[in-house]
Amino acid sequence: MQNHSLDRLAQGHTKLLAFDCEFWHVLHSQGFIEREHYPNEFFLPREIGGMFVLKKKGTWVYHDPFFVTFSKPKSKDVSFVISKYMSATEATKGTIDDLESQLTKEWVRVFHSNSTDDDQRLLKNGLDVYEHDTTIKKAHKPPSWLKIFLKHYSQSLILVKNNADIESLKNMCTLYGIEYVDPLGVFDIATWNKMSYKRCRSAKLYDTYMCIQKWLNSENRQLNKYIPKGKSHDPSVDAGMTLIIAAFIHQS
């Protein structure tokens, strides 16, 4: 397909990678990139999804999205996970919601090392339910999968929103002794946040994506047909919205 917005976005690159992660929230950040505003915590990828768009013989070719999950890191203290930030089945989400409702403090503060016996039990049950979900199990890959991903990542202009996804990849490389390789370039749609507030009254990913629909040109409307549709915080869906917003920003 022809797409002049992608031409301008790519700046001569022929491989675009839009991706997004949902995270394991991990306690004790020494040696890792610490979360902003959360001292002594860091992110690792728990779910990762995205898509490639490649330029071949002067036209852009969209590749089907990918979705991968990673197990809880061994010997690490991770927080409770909630249904809003997972791609599990509705049945699993319902069970997780029920467990969350029984916690004595906010889910993001529930780690094994700082919780009551009851919260520790709920945390363990929640993690077990999540990791045994059929959707999550089907997409599971070992940490070594990251080497394959990074090979393509290093050959691409990557499209993200904020730095957390990139930092989580670096943390995973540190944890498992995998060499991190920089991408060819990074386009962060968060650089458009001020304009998004101005035009859409929000800089949230979904709000911005929905807001710009009425302004997409014919080429970007065509591109929009390819991306996966669904709820926010499904990594493949979020990556697709990131791709469309990045294209729109470069629309003439």
Foldseek 3Di string as FASTA:
>chain_A
DDAVLVVVLQVPAFKEKFKDFQWWWWAAAVPADADPPDPRIATAGAKMKIWMWGADPRHIDTDAMAIAGEADDPPIWTFADALQQDDFDPVLNVVSVVLCVPAPDHRRPQTCVPGDPSSNVSRVVRSVSRCPGPVRVVRYDYLVVLVVVQVSQQSHAYFEADCRVVRNSVRSCSVVVNDHHHHPHYDHLNVCQVVCCVQQVGSDLVSSLVSCPVVDDPSLVVLLVRADDDDPNRTSNSSSSRVSSSSVVSDD
